[in-house]
Amino acid sequence: MSTFSDNLLILRKKRGISQKAASEESGVAFRSYRRYEAGEREPSLSIACILADFYGVTLDQLAGRAPLPEEKL
């Protein structure tokens, strides 16, 4: 089962954007975003909701409790 930080990295890479771009576009502070992706910190529920909405996934998918959606061809 994937972890939150793994899924954050996977989703960002699928979008083809940098951590800086992801933080700016989602409205999450860069240092915090970087730490979430590195697994150094876990976000509050409100930030997790923002990130799930930004990537178009559910909280369960982001947290690794459900599989991430497959890419549409």
PDB file of N, CA and C in Angstrom:
ATOM      1  N   MET A   1       0.846  -1.175   0.000  1.00  0.00           N
ATOM      2  CA  MET A   1       0.000   0.000   0.000  1.00  0.00           C
ATOM      3  C   MET A   1       0.892   1.240   0.000  1.00  0.00           C
ATOM      4  N   SER A   2       0.534   2.195  -0.818  1.00  0.00           N
ATOM      5  CA  SER A   2       1.309   3.425  -0.928  1.00  0.00           C
ATOM      6  C   SER A   2       1.052   4.345   0.252  1.00  0.00           C
ATOM      7  N   THR A   3       2.021   5.187   0.501  1.00  0.00           N
ATOM      8  CA  THR A   3       1.864   6.170   1.564  1.00  0.00           C
ATOM      9  C   THR A   3       1.469   7.515   0.970  1.00  0.00           C
ATOM     10  N   PHE A   4       1.057   8.408   1.828  1.00  0.00           N
ATOM     11  CA  PHE A   4       0.674   9.757   1.405  1.00  0.00           C
ATOM     12  C   PHE A   4       1.798  10.401   0.601  1.00  0.00           C
ATOM     13  N   SER A   5       3.020  10.362   1.127  1.00  0.00           N
ATOM     14  CA  SER A   5       4.136  11.030   0.444  1.00  0.00           C
ATOM     15  C   SER A   5       4.416  10.396  -0.914  1.00  0.00           C
ATOM     16  N   ASP A   6       4.324   9.064  -1.003  1.00  0.00           N
ATOM     17  CA  ASP A   6       4.520   8.379  -2.290  1.00  0.00           C
ATOM     18  C   ASP A   6       3.481   8.843  -3.303  1.00  0.00           C
ATOM     19  N   ASN A   7       2.230   8.896  -2.862  1.00  0.00           N
ATOM     20  CA  ASN A   7       1.154   9.284  -3.773  1.00  0.00           C
ATOM     21  C   ASN A   7       1.264  10.732  -4.202  1.00  0.00           C
ATOM     22  N   LEU A   8       1.703  11.584  -3.303  1.00  0.00           N
ATOM     23  CA  LEU A   8       1.904  12.987  -3.653  1.00  0.00           C
ATOM     24  C   LEU A   8       2.952  13.107  -4.761  1.00  0.00           C
ATOM     25  N   LEU A   9       4.033  12.369  -4.630  1.00  0.00           N
ATOM     26  CA  LEU A   9       5.090  12.371  -5.648  1.00  0.00           C
ATOM     27  C   LEU A   9       4.567  11.817  -6.971  1.00  0.00           C
ATOM     28  N   ILE A  10       3.858  10.705  -6.926  1.00  0.00           N
ATOM     29  CA  ILE A  10       3.323  10.080  -8.140  1.00  0.00           C
ATOM     30  C   ILE A  10       2.398  11.044  -8.872  1.00  0.00           C
ATOM     31  N   LEU A  11       1.493  11.660  -8.129  1.00  0.00           N
ATOM     32  CA  LEU A  11       0.529  12.572  -8.749  1.00  0.00           C
ATOM     33  C   LEU A  11       1.218  13.801  -9.343  1.00  0.00           C
ATOM     34  N   ARG A  12       2.218  14.306  -8.653  1.00  0.00           N
ATOM     35  CA  ARG A  12       2.941  15.471  -9.184  1.00  0.00           C
ATOM     36  C   ARG A  12       3.689  15.102 -10.453  1.00  0.00           C
ATOM     37  N   LYS A  13       4.350  13.948 -10.453  1.00  0.00           N
ATOM     38  CA  LYS A  13       5.097  13.502 -11.633  1.00  0.00           C
ATOM     39  C   LYS A  13       4.156  13.261 -12.813  1.00  0.00           C
ATOM     40  N   LYS A  14       2.958  12.708 -12.543  1.00  0.00           N
ATOM     41  CA  LYS A  14       1.978  12.501 -13.613  1.00  0.00           C
ATOM     42  C   LYS A  14       1.583  13.822 -14.256  1.00  0.00           C
ATOM     43  N   ARG A  15       1.536  14.874 -13.469  1.00  0.00           N
ATOM     44  CA  ARG A  15       1.204  16.198 -13.998  1.00  0.00           C
ATOM     45  C   ARG A  15       2.395  16.836 -14.711  1.00  0.00           C
ATOM     46  N   GLY A  16       3.598  16.323 -14.421  1.00  0.00           N
ATOM     47  CA  GLY A  16       4.794  16.861 -15.060  1.00  0.00           C
ATOM     48  C   GLY A  16       5.161  18.253 -14.570  1.00  0.00           C
ATOM     49  N   ILE A  17       4.952  18.480 -13.260  1.00  0.00           N
ATOM     50  CA  ILE A  17       5.266  19.797 -12.703  1.00  0.00           C
ATOM     51  C   ILE A  17       6.276  19.657 -11.561  1.00  0.00           C
ATOM     52  N   SER A  18       6.922  20.748 -11.246  1.00  0.00           N
ATOM     53  CA  SER A  18       7.902  20.765 -10.159  1.00  0.00           C
ATOM     54  C   SER A  18       7.188  20.911  -8.815  1.00  0.00           C
ATOM     55  N   GLN A  19       7.927  20.682  -7.739  1.00  0.00           N
ATOM     56  CA  GLN A  19       7.366  20.902  -6.406  1.00  0.00           C
ATOM     57  C   GLN A  19       6.959  22.363  -6.239  1.00  0.00           C
ATOM     58  N   LYS A  20       7.780  23.250  -6.749  1.00  0.00           N
ATOM     59  CA  LYS A  20       7.493  24.687  -6.649  1.00  0.00           C
ATOM     60  C   LYS A  20       6.182  25.016  -7.352  1.00  0.00           C
ATOM     61  N   ALA A  21       5.999  24.490  -8.549  1.00  0.00           N
ATOM     62  CA  ALA A  21       4.769  24.741  -9.301  1.00  0.00           C
ATOM     63  C   ALA A  21       3.566  24.138  -8.590  1.00  0.00           C
ATOM     64  N   ALA A  22       3.723  22.925  -8.065  1.00  0.00           N
ATOM     65  CA  ALA A  22       2.621  22.281  -7.344  1.00  0.00           C
ATOM     66  C   ALA A  22       2.231  23.094  -6.123  1.00  0.00           C
ATOM     67  N   SER A  23       3.221  23.598  -5.403  1.00  0.00           N
ATOM     68  CA  SER A  23       2.917  24.380  -4.206  1.00  0.00           C
ATOM     69  C   SER A  23       2.236  25.694  -4.570  1.00  0.00           C
ATOM     70  N   GLU A  24       2.721  26.347  -5.606  1.00  0.00           N
ATOM     71  CA  GLU A  24       2.124  27.618  -6.018  1.00  0.00           C
ATOM     72  C   GLU A  24       0.702  27.432  -6.531  1.00  0.00           C
ATOM     73  N   GLU A  25       0.497  26.423  -7.383  1.00  0.00           N
ATOM     74  CA  GLU A  25      -0.819  26.203  -7.984  1.00  0.00           C
ATOM     75  C   GLU A  25      -1.849  25.724  -6.969  1.00  0.00           C
ATOM     76  N   SER A  26      -1.407  24.975  -5.966  1.00  0.00           N
ATOM     77  CA  SER A  26      -2.341  24.456  -4.960  1.00  0.00           C
ATOM     78  C   SER A  26      -2.554  25.443  -3.816  1.00  0.00           C
ATOM     79  N   GLY A  27      -1.628  26.392  -3.676  1.00  0.00           N
ATOM     80  CA  GLY A  27      -1.731  27.359  -2.588  1.00  0.00           C
ATOM     81  C   GLY A  27      -1.127  26.880  -1.283  1.00  0.00           C
ATOM     82  N   VAL A  28      -0.329  25.824  -1.343  1.00  0.00           N
ATOM     83  CA  VAL A  28       0.341  25.282  -0.157  1.00  0.00           C
ATOM     84  C   VAL A  28       1.774  25.826  -0.139  1.00  0.00           C
ATOM     85  N   ALA A  29       2.235  26.253   1.017  1.00  0.00           N
ATOM     86  CA  ALA A  29       3.591  26.803   1.132  1.00  0.00           C
ATOM     87  C   ALA A  29       4.626  25.789   0.623  1.00  0.00           C
ATOM     88  N   PHE A  30       5.616  26.284  -0.119  1.00  0.00           N
ATOM     89  CA  PHE A  30       6.617  25.406  -0.728  1.00  0.00           C
ATOM     90  C   PHE A  30       7.326  24.532   0.292  1.00  0.00           C
ATOM     91  N   ARG A  31       7.790  25.109   1.390  1.00  0.00           N
ATOM     92  CA  ARG A  31       8.520  24.310   2.402  1.00  0.00           C
ATOM     93  C   ARG A  31       7.646  23.201   2.960  1.00  0.00           C
ATOM     94  N   SER A  32       6.393  23.500   3.188  1.00  0.00           N
ATOM     95  CA  SER A  32       5.468  22.488   3.698  1.00  0.00           C
ATOM     96  C   SER A  32       5.243  21.406   2.653  1.00  0.00           C
ATOM     97  N   TYR A  33       4.976  21.809   1.405  1.00  0.00           N
ATOM     98  CA  TYR A  33       4.750  20.838   0.336  1.00  0.00           C
ATOM     99  C   TYR A  33       5.937  19.900   0.207  1.00  0.00           C
ATOM    100  N   ARG A  34       7.127  20.476   0.201  1.00  0.00           N
ATOM    101  CA  ARG A  34       8.349  19.672   0.069  1.00  0.00           C
ATOM    102  C   ARG A  34       8.450  18.650   1.197  1.00  0.00           C
ATOM    103  N   ARG A  35       8.129  19.075   2.407  1.00  0.00           N
ATOM    104  CA  ARG A  35       8.193  18.174   3.557  1.00  0.00           C
ATOM    105  C   ARG A  35       7.127  17.088   3.501  1.00  0.00           C
ATOM    106  N   TYR A  36       5.934  17.413   2.988  1.00  0.00           N
ATOM    107  CA  TYR A  36       4.888  16.399   2.846  1.00  0.00           C
ATOM    108  C   TYR A  36       5.345  15.331   1.859  1.00  0.00           C
ATOM    109  N   GLU A  37       5.903  15.769   0.738  1.00  0.00           N
ATOM    110  CA  GLU A  37       6.333  14.823  -0.287  1.00  0.00           C
ATOM    111  C   GLU A  37       7.528  13.988   0.181  1.00  0.00           C
ATOM    112  N   ALA A  38       8.380  14.550   1.012  1.00  0.00           N
ATOM    113  CA  ALA A  38       9.539  13.828   1.536  1.00  0.00           C
ATOM    114  C   ALA A  38       9.169  12.901   2.688  1.00  0.00           C
ATOM    115  N   GLY A  39       7.943  13.014   3.171  1.00  0.00           N
ATOM    116  CA  GLY A  39       7.506  12.184   4.289  1.00  0.00           C
ATOM    117  C   GLY A  39       8.002  12.684   5.629  1.00  0.00           C
ATOM    118  N   GLU A  40       8.462  13.921   5.672  1.00  0.00           N
ATOM    119  CA  GLU A  40       8.964  14.499   6.919  1.00  0.00           C
ATOM    120  C   GLU A  40       7.842  15.031   7.799  1.00  0.00           C
ATOM    121  N   ARG A  41       6.720  15.389   7.193  1.00  0.00           N
ATOM    122  CA  ARG A  41       5.561  15.919   7.917  1.00  0.00           C
ATOM    123  C   ARG A  41       4.297  15.399   7.270  1.00  0.00           C
ATOM    124  N   GLU A  42       3.215  15.434   8.027  1.00  0.00           N
ATOM    125  CA  GLU A  42       1.906  15.106   7.484  1.00  0.00           C
ATOM    126  C   GLU A  42       1.035  16.352   7.558  1.00  0.00           C
ATOM    127  N   PRO A  43       0.227  16.585   6.529  1.00  0.00           N
ATOM    128  CA  PRO A  43      -0.574  17.802   6.507  1.00  0.00           C
ATOM    129  C   PRO A  43      -1.790  17.713   7.424  1.00  0.00           C
ATOM    130  N   SER A  44      -2.320  18.875   7.747  1.00  0.00           N
ATOM    131  CA  SER A  44      -3.599  18.914   8.460  1.00  0.00           C
ATOM    132  C   SER A  44      -4.683  18.418   7.503  1.00  0.00           C
ATOM    133  N   LEU A  45      -5.840  18.138   8.033  1.00  0.00           N
ATOM    134  CA  LEU A  45      -6.946  17.670   7.205  1.00  0.00           C
ATOM    135  C   LEU A  45      -7.313  18.704   6.147  1.00  0.00           C
ATOM    136  N   SER A  46      -7.316  19.964   6.512  1.00  0.00           N
ATOM    137  CA  SER A  46      -7.689  20.999   5.540  1.00  0.00           C
ATOM    138  C   SER A  46      -6.687  21.077   4.385  1.00  0.00           C
ATOM    139  N   ILE A  47      -5.407  20.921   4.669  1.00  0.00           N
ATOM    140  CA  ILE A  47      -4.386  20.935   3.610  1.00  0.00           C
ATOM    141  C   ILE A  47      -4.489  19.665   2.772  1.00  0.00           C
ATOM    142  N   ALA A  48      -4.742  18.524   3.399  1.00  0.00           N
ATOM    143  CA  ALA A  48      -4.913  17.272   2.657  1.00  0.00           C
ATOM    144  C   ALA A  48      -6.088  17.393   1.689  1.00  0.00           C
ATOM    145  N   CYS A  49      -7.168  18.041   2.116  1.00  0.00           N
ATOM    146  CA  CYS A  49      -8.326  18.264   1.240  1.00  0.00           C
ATOM    147  C   CYS A  49      -7.946  19.145   0.061  1.00  0.00           C
ATOM    148  N   ILE A  50      -7.178  20.194   0.314  1.00  0.00           N
ATOM    149  CA  ILE A  50      -6.722  21.080  -0.764  1.00  0.00           C
ATOM    150  C   ILE A  50      -5.894  20.300  -1.777  1.00  0.00           C
ATOM    151  N   LEU A  51      -4.983  19.475  -1.290  1.00  0.00           N
ATOM    152  CA  LEU A  51      -4.131  18.694  -2.185  1.00  0.00           C
ATOM    153  C   LEU A  51      -4.930  17.640  -2.962  1.00  0.00           C
ATOM    154  N   ALA A  52      -5.872  16.997  -2.298  1.00  0.00           N
ATOM    155  CA  ALA A  52      -6.720  16.006  -2.986  1.00  0.00           C
ATOM    156  C   ALA A  52      -7.518  16.689  -4.095  1.00  0.00           C
ATOM    157  N   ASP A  53      -8.082  17.837  -3.796  1.00  0.00           N
ATOM    158  CA  ASP A  53      -8.833  18.578  -4.812  1.00  0.00           C
ATOM    159  C   ASP A  53      -7.922  19.022  -5.955  1.00  0.00           C
ATOM    160  N   PHE A  54      -6.743  19.495  -5.613  1.00  0.00           N
ATOM    161  CA  PHE A  54      -5.787  19.946  -6.623  1.00  0.00           C
ATOM    162  C   PHE A  54      -5.453  18.827  -7.607  1.00  0.00           C
ATOM    163  N   TYR A  55      -5.236  17.623  -7.086  1.00  0.00           N
ATOM    164  CA  TYR A  55      -4.875  16.496  -7.945  1.00  0.00           C
ATOM    165  C   TYR A  55      -6.083  15.713  -8.458  1.00  0.00           C
ATOM    166  N   GLY A  56      -7.281  16.079  -8.031  1.00  0.00           N
ATOM    167  CA  GLY A  56      -8.482  15.421  -8.529  1.00  0.00           C
ATOM    168  C   GLY A  56      -8.653  14.000  -8.037  1.00  0.00           C
ATOM    169  N   VAL A  57      -8.259  13.759  -6.789  1.00  0.00           N
ATOM    170  CA  VAL A  57      -8.403  12.437  -6.187  1.00  0.00           C
ATOM    171  C   VAL A  57      -9.145  12.562  -4.864  1.00  0.00           C
ATOM    172  N   THR A  58      -9.533  11.423  -4.309  1.00  0.00           N
ATOM    173  CA  THR A  58     -10.180  11.436  -3.003  1.00  0.00           C
ATOM    174  C   THR A  58      -9.123  11.431  -1.907  1.00  0.00           C
ATOM    175  N   LEU A  59      -9.536  11.744  -0.699  1.00  0.00           N
ATOM    176  CA  LEU A  59      -8.605  11.663   0.433  1.00  0.00           C
ATOM    177  C   LEU A  59      -8.113  10.234   0.626  1.00  0.00           C
ATOM    178  N   ASP A  60      -8.991   9.248   0.446  1.00  0.00           N
ATOM    179  CA  ASP A  60      -8.573   7.849   0.569  1.00  0.00           C
ATOM    180  C   ASP A  60      -7.493   7.507  -0.456  1.00  0.00           C
ATOM    181  N   GLN A  61      -7.653   7.987  -1.680  1.00  0.00           N
ATOM    182  CA  GLN A  61      -6.631   7.731  -2.697  1.00  0.00           C
ATOM    183  C   GLN A  61      -5.321   8.418  -2.346  1.00  0.00           C
ATOM    184  N   LEU A  62      -5.399   9.648  -1.905  1.00  0.00           N
ATOM    185  CA  LEU A  62      -4.191  10.383  -1.552  1.00  0.00           C
ATOM    186  C   LEU A  62      -3.473   9.740  -0.371  1.00  0.00           C
ATOM    187  N   ALA A  63      -4.233   9.229   0.587  1.00  0.00           N
ATOM    188  CA  ALA A  63      -3.656   8.617   1.786  1.00  0.00           C
ATOM    189  C   ALA A  63      -3.200   7.173   1.551  1.00  0.00           C
ATOM    190  N   GLY A  64      -3.511   6.603   0.388  1.00  0.00           N
ATOM    191  CA  GLY A  64      -3.083   5.240   0.099  1.00  0.00           C
ATOM    192  C   GLY A  64      -4.068   4.177   0.558  1.00  0.00           C
ATOM    193  N   ARG A  65      -5.270   4.598   0.928  1.00  0.00           N
ATOM    194  CA  ARG A  65      -6.293   3.643   1.372  1.00  0.00           C
ATOM    195  C   ARG A  65      -7.110   3.113   0.204  1.00  0.00           C
ATOM    196  N   ALA A  66      -6.953   3.721  -0.962  1.00  0.00           N
ATOM    197  CA  ALA A  66      -7.614   3.291  -2.193  1.00  0.00           C
ATOM    198  C   ALA A  66      -6.627   3.537  -3.331  1.00  0.00           C
ATOM    199  N   PRO A  67      -6.723   2.754  -4.396  1.00  0.00           N
ATOM    200  CA  PRO A  67      -5.772   2.947  -5.497  1.00  0.00           C
ATOM    201  C   PRO A  67      -5.973   4.282  -6.203  1.00  0.00           C
ATOM    202  N   LEU A  68      -4.873   4.808  -6.692  1.00  0.00           N
ATOM    203  CA  LEU A  68      -4.936   6.035  -7.476  1.00  0.00           C
ATOM    204  C   LEU A  68      -5.636   5.732  -8.794  1.00  0.00           C
ATOM    205  N   PRO A  69      -6.299   6.716  -9.375  1.00  0.00           N
ATOM    206  CA  PRO A  69      -6.977   6.480 -10.662  1.00  0.00           C
ATOM    207  C   PRO A  69      -5.956   6.197 -11.753  1.00  0.00           C
ATOM    208  N   GLU A  70      -6.363   5.368 -12.684  1.00  0.00           N
ATOM    209  CA  GLU A  70      -5.505   5.072 -13.835  1.00  0.00           C
ATOM    210  C   GLU A  70      -5.537   6.257 -14.786  1.00  0.00           C
ATOM    211  N   GLU A  71      -4.449   6.448 -15.509  1.00  0.00           N
ATOM    212  CA  GLU A  71      -4.422   7.525 -16.484  1.00  0.00           C
ATOM    213  C   GLU A  71      -5.354   7.188 -17.622  1.00  0.00           C
ATOM    214  N   LYS A  72      -6.082   8.207 -18.098  1.00  0.00           N
ATOM    215  CA  LYS A  72      -6.985   8.011 -19.215  1.00  0.00           C
ATOM    216  C   LYS A  72      -6.193   8.106 -20.507  1.00  0.00           C
ATOM    217  N   LEU A  73      -6.442   7.158 -21.378  1.00  0.00           N
ATOM    218  CA  LEU A  73      -5.730   7.144 -22.666  1.00  0.00           C
ATOM    219  C   LEU A  73      -6.452   7.965 -23.699  1.00  0.00           C
TER     220      LEU A  73
END
